[in-house]
Amino acid sequence: MIKINLLPIKEIRQKLRRRYEFFGLFGALAVVLLVLGGITLVMALQAGRLEARISDLEAERASYVAIQREIDGLRRKREELEVKIAAIDQLRADSQLPVRIVDEISNLTPSARMWLTSLRMSGTTINLAGIGLDNPTIAQYMQALERSPYFSSADLTSSTQTEVGGNRLKSFSLVIRVTPPKPASEEAE
């Protein structure tokens, strides 16, 4: 006898295959979604940590800003003090300069051969007038002044013959340029 199978085996197999494919696709999609969710969660946690680190660094920077302002204020005060100290040093040097210049002129003037009649100082220029025995004495005096560390030049503006006490002498006037010598600290540098 012939047996006929009336059950739709092919259709059942196709339905099972479709069901497996559907569950496989759904399962793969679920795994992909789970992996993406995990990655998103990990990245969210890292972003949270980074944001917390950023806020900590900004708070730390804010504390450094106050310190930087204080440092800047101290720098400004130091610069102001250095300017004041330089001004005081310059005033000290300038206050001693006229005394040293008069002393230098006095030391360089040959008392036996000439005498000075007037001395005027304005700025870095000295107008000097005097009477000497002769022209070589005046020339030697000018050379001595130019060799001095306090003067850069000594220029003769006039020289005339004058009679003093029956003697013929030379009346002269000089313009002398003052150059203060450098302090020892500057020469060492």
N, C-alpha and C. Protein backbone atom coordinates (compact mmCIF):
# COMPACT_ATOMS: atom_id res chain seq x y z
N MET A 1 0.79 -1.14 0.00
CA MET A 1 0.00 0.00 0.00
C MET A 1 0.87 1.26 0.00
N ILE A 2 0.38 2.23 -0.50
CA ILE A 2 1.11 3.47 -0.68
C ILE A 2 0.71 4.40 0.46
N LYS A 3 1.75 4.91 0.99
CA LYS A 3 1.48 5.85 2.08
C LYS A 3 1.71 7.27 1.57
N ILE A 4 0.85 8.12 1.91
CA ILE A 4 0.94 9.51 1.48
C ILE A 4 1.01 10.35 2.75
N ASN A 5 2.01 11.17 2.74
CA ASN A 5 2.20 12.04 3.88
C ASN A 5 1.46 13.33 3.56
N LEU A 6 0.51 13.64 4.33
CA LEU A 6 -0.31 14.81 4.09
C LEU A 6 0.19 16.03 4.91
N LEU A 7 1.18 15.84 5.66
CA LEU A 7 1.71 16.95 6.44
C LEU A 7 2.59 17.82 5.53
N PRO A 8 2.42 19.12 5.62
CA PRO A 8 3.24 20.01 4.78
C PRO A 8 4.62 20.21 5.41
N ILE A 9 5.50 19.29 5.21
CA ILE A 9 6.82 19.29 5.80
C ILE A 9 7.64 20.47 5.26
N LYS A 10 7.59 20.68 4.01
CA LYS A 10 8.37 21.77 3.42
C LYS A 10 7.95 23.12 3.99
N GLU A 11 6.66 23.27 4.10
CA GLU A 11 6.15 24.55 4.62
C GLU A 11 6.51 24.72 6.09
N ILE A 12 6.46 23.61 6.81
CA ILE A 12 6.80 23.67 8.23
C ILE A 12 8.29 24.02 8.36
N ARG A 13 9.12 23.40 7.54
CA ARG A 13 10.54 23.69 7.57
C ARG A 13 10.81 25.15 7.20
N GLN A 14 10.10 25.65 6.19
CA GLN A 14 10.28 27.04 5.79
C GLN A 14 9.85 28.00 6.90
N LYS A 15 8.74 27.65 7.57
CA LYS A 15 8.28 28.49 8.68
C LYS A 15 9.30 28.49 9.81
N LEU A 16 9.83 27.26 10.08
CA LEU A 16 10.84 27.18 11.14
C LEU A 16 12.10 27.97 10.75
N ARG A 17 12.50 27.85 9.49
CA ARG A 17 13.67 28.58 9.02
C ARG A 17 13.44 30.08 9.12
N ARG A 18 12.24 30.53 8.71
CA ARG A 18 11.91 31.97 8.81
C ARG A 18 11.90 32.40 10.27
N ARG A 19 11.37 31.56 11.12
CA ARG A 19 11.32 31.88 12.54
C ARG A 19 12.75 31.98 13.08
N TYR A 20 13.62 31.04 12.75
CA TYR A 20 15.01 31.07 13.19
C TYR A 20 15.73 32.30 12.64
N GLU A 21 15.47 32.59 11.36
CA GLU A 21 16.08 33.77 10.76
C GLU A 21 15.59 35.04 11.46
N PHE A 22 14.27 35.07 11.75
CA PHE A 22 13.71 36.24 12.44
C PHE A 22 14.32 36.38 13.83
N PHE A 23 14.36 35.29 14.58
CA PHE A 23 14.94 35.33 15.92
C PHE A 23 16.44 35.61 15.86
N GLY A 24 17.11 35.06 14.84
CA GLY A 24 18.54 35.32 14.66
C GLY A 24 18.79 36.80 14.34
N LEU A 25 17.96 37.34 13.43
CA LEU A 25 18.07 38.76 13.09
C LEU A 25 17.75 39.63 14.30
N PHE A 26 16.66 39.27 14.97
CA PHE A 26 16.27 40.01 16.18
C PHE A 26 17.34 39.89 17.26
N GLY A 27 17.89 38.71 17.41
CA GLY A 27 18.96 38.49 18.40
C GLY A 27 20.21 39.29 18.04
N ALA A 28 20.59 39.27 16.75
CA ALA A 28 21.77 40.05 16.31
C ALA A 28 21.53 41.54 16.52
N LEU A 29 20.31 41.99 16.18
CA LEU A 29 19.95 43.40 16.40
C LEU A 29 20.00 43.74 17.88
N ALA A 30 19.53 42.83 18.72
CA ALA A 30 19.55 43.06 20.18
C ALA A 30 20.99 43.12 20.67
N VAL A 31 21.86 42.24 20.15
CA VAL A 31 23.27 42.24 20.55
C VAL A 31 23.93 43.55 20.11
N VAL A 32 23.64 43.97 18.85
CA VAL A 32 24.21 45.22 18.37
C VAL A 32 23.73 46.39 19.23
N LEU A 33 22.42 46.41 19.55
CA LEU A 33 21.88 47.48 20.40
C LEU A 33 22.51 47.45 21.79
N LEU A 34 22.72 46.26 22.33
CA LEU A 34 23.35 46.14 23.64
C LEU A 34 24.81 46.65 23.59
N VAL A 35 25.51 46.27 22.53
CA VAL A 35 26.90 46.74 22.39
C VAL A 35 26.93 48.26 22.24
N LEU A 36 26.05 48.81 21.40
CA LEU A 36 25.99 50.27 21.23
C LEU A 36 25.60 50.96 22.54
N GLY A 37 24.65 50.38 23.25
CA GLY A 37 24.25 50.93 24.55
C GLY A 37 25.40 50.91 25.54
N GLY A 38 26.17 49.81 25.54
CA GLY A 38 27.34 49.72 26.42
C GLY A 38 28.39 50.76 26.07
N ILE A 39 28.64 50.88 24.76
CA ILE A 39 29.62 51.89 24.33
C ILE A 39 29.15 53.28 24.72
N THR A 40 27.85 53.56 24.51
CA THR A 40 27.30 54.87 24.87
C THR A 40 27.43 55.10 26.37
N LEU A 41 27.16 54.08 27.15
CA LEU A 41 27.26 54.20 28.61
C LEU A 41 28.72 54.47 29.02
N VAL A 42 29.66 53.74 28.42
CA VAL A 42 31.07 53.93 28.75
C VAL A 42 31.51 55.35 28.35
N MET A 43 31.09 55.78 27.17
CA MET A 43 31.46 57.13 26.72
C MET A 43 30.81 58.19 27.59
N ALA A 44 29.58 57.97 28.02
CA ALA A 44 28.92 58.92 28.91
C ALA A 44 29.67 59.02 30.24
N LEU A 45 30.11 57.87 30.75
CA LEU A 45 30.88 57.88 32.00
C LEU A 45 32.21 58.61 31.81
N GLN A 46 32.88 58.37 30.68
CA GLN A 46 34.13 59.06 30.42
C GLN A 46 33.90 60.56 30.25
N ALA A 47 32.82 60.93 29.55
CA ALA A 47 32.50 62.35 29.39
C ALA A 47 32.22 62.99 30.74
N GLY A 48 31.53 62.28 31.61
CA GLY A 48 31.25 62.81 32.96
C GLY A 48 32.54 63.01 33.74
N ARG A 49 33.44 62.01 33.65
CA ARG A 49 34.73 62.15 34.34
C ARG A 49 35.53 63.32 33.77
N LEU A 50 35.53 63.45 32.44
CA LEU A 50 36.27 64.54 31.82
C LEU A 50 35.67 65.90 32.19
N GLU A 51 34.36 65.99 32.24
CA GLU A 51 33.72 67.25 32.63
C GLU A 51 34.05 67.59 34.08
N ALA A 52 34.07 66.56 34.93
CA ALA A 52 34.45 66.80 36.33
C ALA A 52 35.91 67.25 36.40
N ARG A 53 36.77 66.64 35.60
CA ARG A 53 38.19 67.02 35.58
C ARG A 53 38.34 68.47 35.07
N ILE A 54 37.55 68.80 34.04
CA ILE A 54 37.59 70.17 33.50
C ILE A 54 37.17 71.17 34.56
N SER A 55 36.09 70.86 35.27
CA SER A 55 35.63 71.79 36.31
C SER A 55 36.66 71.91 37.43
N ASP A 56 37.33 70.79 37.78
CA ASP A 56 38.38 70.84 38.79
C ASP A 56 39.55 71.71 38.31
N LEU A 57 39.93 71.52 37.03
CA LEU A 57 41.04 72.30 36.49
C LEU A 57 40.68 73.79 36.40
N GLU A 58 39.43 74.09 36.06
CA GLU A 58 39.02 75.50 36.01
C GLU A 58 39.03 76.12 37.40
N ALA A 59 38.61 75.35 38.40
CA ALA A 59 38.65 75.85 39.78
C ALA A 59 40.11 76.08 40.21
N GLU A 60 40.99 75.14 39.83
CA GLU A 60 42.40 75.29 40.15
C GLU A 60 43.00 76.50 39.43
N ARG A 61 42.60 76.68 38.16
CA ARG A 61 43.08 77.84 37.40
C ARG A 61 42.60 79.14 38.04
N ALA A 62 41.36 79.14 38.52
CA ALA A 62 40.84 80.34 39.18
C ALA A 62 41.68 80.67 40.41
N SER A 63 42.12 79.66 41.14
CA SER A 63 42.96 79.93 42.30
C SER A 63 44.31 80.47 41.85
N TYR A 64 44.82 80.00 40.71
CA TYR A 64 46.08 80.50 40.19
C TYR A 64 45.95 81.92 39.64
N VAL A 65 44.77 82.28 39.17
CA VAL A 65 44.56 83.63 38.65
C VAL A 65 44.77 84.65 39.79
N ALA A 66 44.25 84.33 40.95
CA ALA A 66 44.45 85.23 42.10
C ALA A 66 45.93 85.34 42.45
N ILE A 67 46.62 84.22 42.41
CA ILE A 67 48.06 84.23 42.71
C ILE A 67 48.80 85.01 41.63
N GLN A 68 48.40 84.82 40.37
CA GLN A 68 49.05 85.55 39.26
C GLN A 68 48.83 87.05 39.41
N ARG A 69 47.64 87.46 39.81
CA ARG A 69 47.38 88.89 40.04
C ARG A 69 48.30 89.43 41.13
N GLU A 70 48.46 88.65 42.19
CA GLU A 70 49.32 89.06 43.28
C GLU A 70 50.78 89.17 42.81
N ILE A 71 51.21 88.21 41.99
CA ILE A 71 52.57 88.24 41.45
C ILE A 71 52.75 89.46 40.55
N ASP A 72 51.76 89.74 39.70
CA ASP A 72 51.83 90.91 38.83
C ASP A 72 51.91 92.20 39.64
N GLY A 73 51.11 92.27 40.71
CA GLY A 73 51.16 93.44 41.59
C GLY A 73 52.53 93.60 42.23
N LEU A 74 53.12 92.49 42.67
CA LEU A 74 54.45 92.55 43.27
C LEU A 74 55.50 92.96 42.24
N ARG A 75 55.35 92.48 41.00
CA ARG A 75 56.29 92.89 39.94
C ARG A 75 56.20 94.39 39.70
N ARG A 76 54.97 94.89 39.63
CA ARG A 76 54.81 96.33 39.41
C ARG A 76 55.44 97.12 40.55
N LYS A 77 55.21 96.68 41.78
CA LYS A 77 55.80 97.36 42.93
C LYS A 77 57.33 97.31 42.87
N ARG A 78 57.87 96.14 42.48
CA ARG A 78 59.32 96.01 42.37
C ARG A 78 59.87 96.95 41.31
N GLU A 79 59.19 97.03 40.16
CA GLU A 79 59.64 97.93 39.09
C GLU A 79 59.58 99.38 39.56
N GLU A 80 58.51 99.74 40.28
CA GLU A 80 58.40 101.10 40.80
C GLU A 80 59.53 101.39 41.78
N LEU A 81 59.83 100.41 42.64
CA LEU A 81 60.92 100.60 43.61
C LEU A 81 62.27 100.71 42.90
N GLU A 82 62.46 99.92 41.85
CA GLU A 82 63.72 100.01 41.10
C GLU A 82 63.86 101.37 40.45
N VAL A 83 62.75 101.92 39.93
CA VAL A 83 62.79 103.26 39.35
C VAL A 83 63.13 104.28 40.42
N LYS A 84 62.52 104.15 41.58
CA LYS A 84 62.79 105.09 42.67
C LYS A 84 64.24 104.98 43.14
N ILE A 85 64.74 103.75 43.24
CA ILE A 85 66.12 103.56 43.67
C ILE A 85 67.08 104.15 42.65
N ALA A 86 66.78 103.94 41.37
CA ALA A 86 67.63 104.52 40.31
C ALA A 86 67.61 106.04 40.39
N ALA A 87 66.42 106.62 40.66
CA ALA A 87 66.32 108.07 40.78
C ALA A 87 67.12 108.57 41.98
N ILE A 88 67.05 107.85 43.09
CA ILE A 88 67.80 108.23 44.29
C ILE A 88 69.30 108.14 44.01
N ASP A 89 69.72 107.05 43.36
CA ASP A 89 71.15 106.92 43.03
C ASP A 89 71.60 108.04 42.11
N GLN A 90 70.77 108.38 41.13
CA GLN A 90 71.11 109.47 40.21
C GLN A 90 71.20 110.80 40.96
N LEU A 91 70.25 111.03 41.88
CA LEU A 91 70.29 112.26 42.67
C LEU A 91 71.56 112.32 43.54
N ARG A 92 71.93 111.18 44.11
CA ARG A 92 73.16 111.16 44.91
C ARG A 92 74.37 111.49 44.05
N ALA A 93 74.41 110.86 42.88
CA ALA A 93 75.55 111.12 41.98
C ALA A 93 75.54 112.56 41.51
N ASP A 94 74.36 113.07 41.18
CA ASP A 94 74.27 114.45 40.70
C ASP A 94 74.55 115.46 41.81
N SER A 95 74.21 115.12 43.04
CA SER A 95 74.45 116.07 44.13
C SER A 95 75.94 116.19 44.43
N GLN A 96 76.69 115.15 44.21
CA GLN A 96 78.13 115.19 44.48
C GLN A 96 78.91 115.73 43.29
N LEU A 97 78.30 115.71 42.11
CA LEU A 97 79.02 116.12 40.90
C LEU A 97 79.52 117.56 40.95
N PRO A 98 78.69 118.56 41.31
CA PRO A 98 79.23 119.93 41.33
C PRO A 98 80.41 120.10 42.28
N VAL A 99 80.36 119.44 43.41
CA VAL A 99 81.46 119.55 44.37
C VAL A 99 82.72 118.93 43.77
N ARG A 100 82.57 117.78 43.15
CA ARG A 100 83.72 117.10 42.55
C ARG A 100 84.29 117.91 41.37
N ILE A 101 83.40 118.55 40.62
CA ILE A 101 83.85 119.35 39.47
C ILE A 101 84.66 120.55 39.96
N VAL A 102 84.15 121.25 40.96
CA VAL A 102 84.88 122.41 41.50
C VAL A 102 86.21 121.95 42.09
N ASP A 103 86.20 120.80 42.77
CA ASP A 103 87.43 120.26 43.32
C ASP A 103 88.42 119.92 42.20
N GLU A 104 87.94 119.31 41.13
CA GLU A 104 88.80 118.94 40.01
C GLU A 104 89.39 120.20 39.34
N ILE A 105 88.55 121.22 39.14
CA ILE A 105 89.04 122.47 38.55
C ILE A 105 90.09 123.11 39.46
N SER A 106 89.82 123.09 40.76
CA SER A 106 90.76 123.67 41.72
C SER A 106 92.09 122.92 41.70
N ASN A 107 92.04 121.60 41.66
CA ASN A 107 93.27 120.80 41.66
C ASN A 107 94.07 120.99 40.36
N LEU A 108 93.38 121.19 39.25
CA LEU A 108 94.07 121.32 37.96
C LEU A 108 94.59 122.73 37.69
N THR A 109 94.11 123.72 38.44
CA THR A 109 94.53 125.11 38.21
C THR A 109 95.90 125.34 38.84
N PRO A 110 96.89 125.70 38.03
CA PRO A 110 98.23 125.99 38.59
C PRO A 110 98.19 127.34 39.30
N SER A 111 98.19 127.34 40.62
CA SER A 111 97.99 128.56 41.41
C SER A 111 99.12 129.58 41.25
N ALA A 112 100.28 129.12 40.88
CA ALA A 112 101.40 130.06 40.75
C ALA A 112 101.38 130.76 39.39
N ARG A 113 100.66 130.23 38.43
CA ARG A 113 100.72 130.78 37.07
C ARG A 113 99.38 131.32 36.59
N MET A 114 98.25 131.01 37.28
CA MET A 114 96.95 131.54 36.84
C MET A 114 95.99 131.55 38.01
N TRP A 115 94.96 132.36 37.88
CA TRP A 115 93.86 132.36 38.84
C TRP A 115 92.56 132.55 38.10
N LEU A 116 91.50 132.08 38.73
CA LEU A 116 90.17 132.11 38.10
C LEU A 116 89.40 133.30 38.64
N THR A 117 88.65 133.94 37.75
CA THR A 117 87.86 135.10 38.16
C THR A 117 86.36 134.78 38.21
N SER A 118 85.89 133.82 37.41
CA SER A 118 84.47 133.45 37.49
C SER A 118 84.28 132.01 37.01
N LEU A 119 83.25 131.40 37.55
CA LEU A 119 82.90 130.03 37.18
C LEU A 119 81.38 129.92 37.23
N ARG A 120 80.75 129.61 36.11
CA ARG A 120 79.29 129.42 36.05
C ARG A 120 79.00 128.07 35.42
N MET A 121 78.13 127.32 36.07
CA MET A 121 77.75 126.00 35.54
C MET A 121 76.27 126.00 35.23
N SER A 122 75.93 125.57 34.02
CA SER A 122 74.51 125.41 33.65
C SER A 122 74.39 124.10 32.88
N GLY A 123 73.69 123.15 33.49
CA GLY A 123 73.55 121.84 32.86
C GLY A 123 74.88 121.12 32.80
N THR A 124 75.29 120.79 31.59
CA THR A 124 76.57 120.10 31.41
C THR A 124 77.64 121.02 30.83
N THR A 125 77.46 122.32 30.97
CA THR A 125 78.40 123.30 30.44
C THR A 125 78.90 124.20 31.56
N ILE A 126 80.20 124.43 31.55
CA ILE A 126 80.81 125.35 32.53
C ILE A 126 81.45 126.48 31.75
N ASN A 127 81.13 127.72 32.13
CA ASN A 127 81.79 128.92 31.59
C ASN A 127 82.80 129.37 32.64
N LEU A 128 84.05 129.39 32.23
CA LEU A 128 85.13 129.66 33.16
C LEU A 128 85.93 130.86 32.62
N ALA A 129 86.23 131.80 33.51
CA ALA A 129 87.05 132.96 33.12
C ALA A 129 88.18 133.08 34.12
N GLY A 130 89.33 133.55 33.63
CA GLY A 130 90.47 133.69 34.52
C GLY A 130 91.58 134.48 33.88
N ILE A 131 92.70 134.57 34.59
CA ILE A 131 93.87 135.30 34.12
C ILE A 131 95.08 134.39 34.28
N GLY A 132 95.86 134.28 33.21
CA GLY A 132 97.06 133.44 33.23
C GLY A 132 98.28 134.26 32.85
N LEU A 133 99.46 133.71 33.12
CA LEU A 133 100.70 134.42 32.81
C LEU A 133 100.92 134.53 31.30
N ASP A 134 100.63 133.42 30.58
CA ASP A 134 100.87 133.44 29.14
C ASP A 134 100.00 132.38 28.45
N ASN A 135 100.08 132.35 27.11
CA ASN A 135 99.27 131.41 26.33
C ASN A 135 99.63 129.94 26.59
N PRO A 136 100.93 129.58 26.71
CA PRO A 136 101.24 128.17 27.00
C PRO A 136 100.64 127.68 28.32
N THR A 137 100.55 128.54 29.31
CA THR A 137 99.94 128.17 30.59
C THR A 137 98.46 127.85 30.39
N ILE A 138 97.79 128.69 29.62
CA ILE A 138 96.37 128.48 29.33
C ILE A 138 96.19 127.18 28.54
N ALA A 139 97.05 126.93 27.55
CA ALA A 139 96.96 125.71 26.73
C ALA A 139 97.19 124.47 27.58
N GLN A 140 98.18 124.51 28.48
CA GLN A 140 98.44 123.37 29.36
C GLN A 140 97.24 123.12 30.28
N TYR A 141 96.65 124.20 30.75
CA TYR A 141 95.47 124.08 31.62
C TYR A 141 94.31 123.42 30.86
N MET A 142 94.10 123.83 29.61
CA MET A 142 93.03 123.24 28.80
C MET A 142 93.29 121.75 28.55
N GLN A 143 94.54 121.38 28.30
CA GLN A 143 94.88 119.98 28.09
C GLN A 143 94.66 119.16 29.36
N ALA A 144 95.02 119.73 30.49
CA ALA A 144 94.80 119.04 31.77
C ALA A 144 93.31 118.83 32.02
N LEU A 145 92.50 119.83 31.68
CA LEU A 145 91.05 119.70 31.85
C LEU A 145 90.50 118.59 30.94
N GLU A 146 90.99 118.52 29.71
CA GLU A 146 90.48 117.50 28.79
C GLU A 146 90.89 116.10 29.21
N ARG A 147 92.00 115.95 29.89
CA ARG A 147 92.43 114.63 30.36
C ARG A 147 91.64 114.18 31.59
N SER A 148 90.99 115.09 32.25
CA SER A 148 90.23 114.77 33.46
C SER A 148 89.02 113.89 33.11
N PRO A 149 88.67 112.96 33.99
CA PRO A 149 87.49 112.11 33.72
C PRO A 149 86.17 112.87 33.83
N TYR A 150 86.20 114.08 34.35
CA TYR A 150 84.97 114.85 34.53
C TYR A 150 84.62 115.73 33.33
N PHE A 151 85.55 115.93 32.44
CA PHE A 151 85.33 116.86 31.33
C PHE A 151 85.61 116.18 30.00
N SER A 152 84.80 116.52 28.99
CA SER A 152 85.01 115.94 27.67
C SER A 152 85.77 116.89 26.76
N SER A 153 85.56 118.17 26.94
CA SER A 153 86.27 119.14 26.11
C SER A 153 86.41 120.46 26.85
N ALA A 154 87.45 121.21 26.47
CA ALA A 154 87.67 122.55 27.01
C ALA A 154 87.98 123.43 25.80
N ASP A 155 87.07 124.33 25.46
CA ASP A 155 87.23 125.18 24.29
C ASP A 155 87.49 126.62 24.73
N LEU A 156 88.49 127.21 24.11
CA LEU A 156 88.84 128.60 24.40
C LEU A 156 87.90 129.51 23.61
N THR A 157 87.15 130.37 24.32
CA THR A 157 86.24 131.28 23.62
C THR A 157 86.88 132.65 23.41
N SER A 158 87.75 133.05 24.32
CA SER A 158 88.44 134.34 24.11
C SER A 158 89.74 134.36 24.91
N SER A 159 90.67 135.11 24.37
CA SER A 159 91.94 135.31 25.07
C SER A 159 92.41 136.72 24.70
N THR A 160 92.56 137.56 25.71
CA THR A 160 92.99 138.94 25.47
C THR A 160 94.11 139.29 26.43
N GLN A 161 94.88 140.27 26.00
CA GLN A 161 95.97 140.72 26.86
C GLN A 161 95.42 141.76 27.82
N THR A 162 95.81 141.63 29.08
CA THR A 162 95.34 142.52 30.14
C THR A 162 96.53 142.94 30.98
N GLU A 163 96.41 144.14 31.52
CA GLU A 163 97.48 144.61 32.40
C GLU A 163 96.96 144.58 33.83
N VAL A 164 97.67 143.88 34.67
CA VAL A 164 97.30 143.76 36.08
C VAL A 164 98.53 144.09 36.90
N GLY A 165 98.44 145.15 37.68
CA GLY A 165 99.54 145.56 38.56
C GLY A 165 100.82 145.84 37.79
N GLY A 166 100.69 146.37 36.60
CA GLY A 166 101.86 146.72 35.80
C GLY A 166 102.42 145.55 35.01
N ASN A 167 101.80 144.39 35.11
CA ASN A 167 102.26 143.22 34.36
C ASN A 167 101.30 142.91 33.22
N ARG A 168 101.84 142.49 32.11
CA ARG A 168 100.99 142.09 30.98
C ARG A 168 100.67 140.59 31.13
N LEU A 169 99.36 140.31 31.33
CA LEU A 169 98.89 138.94 31.52
C LEU A 169 97.82 138.63 30.47
N LYS A 170 97.41 137.37 30.40
CA LYS A 170 96.38 136.93 29.45
C LYS A 170 95.08 136.67 30.19
N SER A 171 94.05 137.38 29.80
CA SER A 171 92.70 137.12 30.31
C SER A 171 92.05 136.14 29.34
N PHE A 172 91.40 135.14 29.86
CA PHE A 172 90.82 134.11 28.99
C PHE A 172 89.44 133.69 29.50
N SER A 173 88.70 133.07 28.61
CA SER A 173 87.43 132.44 29.01
C SER A 173 87.32 131.12 28.25
N LEU A 174 86.80 130.11 28.97
CA LEU A 174 86.69 128.74 28.44
C LEU A 174 85.25 128.26 28.55
N VAL A 175 84.88 127.39 27.63
CA VAL A 175 83.62 126.65 27.75
C VAL A 175 84.03 125.19 27.91
N ILE A 176 83.61 124.60 29.01
CA ILE A 176 84.01 123.23 29.33
C ILE A 176 82.75 122.36 29.33
N ARG A 177 82.82 121.21 28.66
CA ARG A 177 81.70 120.24 28.64
C ARG A 177 81.95 119.20 29.74
N VAL A 178 80.94 119.02 30.58
CA VAL A 178 81.04 118.10 31.71
C VAL A 178 80.53 116.73 31.29
N THR A 179 81.30 115.69 31.60
CA THR A 179 80.85 114.30 31.45
C THR A 179 81.18 113.59 32.74
N PRO A 180 80.16 113.33 33.57
CA PRO A 180 80.45 112.68 34.85
C PRO A 180 81.04 111.29 34.63
N PRO A 181 82.03 110.90 35.41
CA PRO A 181 82.62 109.57 35.25
C PRO A 181 81.60 108.51 35.66
N LYS A 182 81.76 107.33 35.05
CA LYS A 182 80.86 106.23 35.36
C LYS A 182 81.18 105.70 36.75
N PRO A 183 80.13 105.30 37.50
CA PRO A 183 80.39 104.71 38.81
C PRO A 183 81.19 103.42 38.67
N ALA A 184 81.84 103.01 39.73
CA ALA A 184 82.67 101.81 39.70
C ALA A 184 81.86 100.58 39.35
N SER A 185 80.57 100.53 39.75
CA SER A 185 79.73 99.37 39.45
C SER A 185 79.49 99.24 37.95
N GLU A 186 79.33 100.35 37.23
CA GLU A 186 79.12 100.31 35.79
C GLU A 186 80.41 99.94 35.06
N GLU A 187 81.57 100.40 35.57
CA GLU A 187 82.83 100.08 34.92
C GLU A 187 83.13 98.61 35.04
N ALA A 188 82.73 97.98 36.16
CA ALA A 188 82.97 96.56 36.38
C ALA A 188 82.15 95.72 35.41
N GLU A 189 80.97 96.18 35.05
CA GLU A 189 80.11 95.44 34.13
C GLU A 189 80.71 95.50 32.74
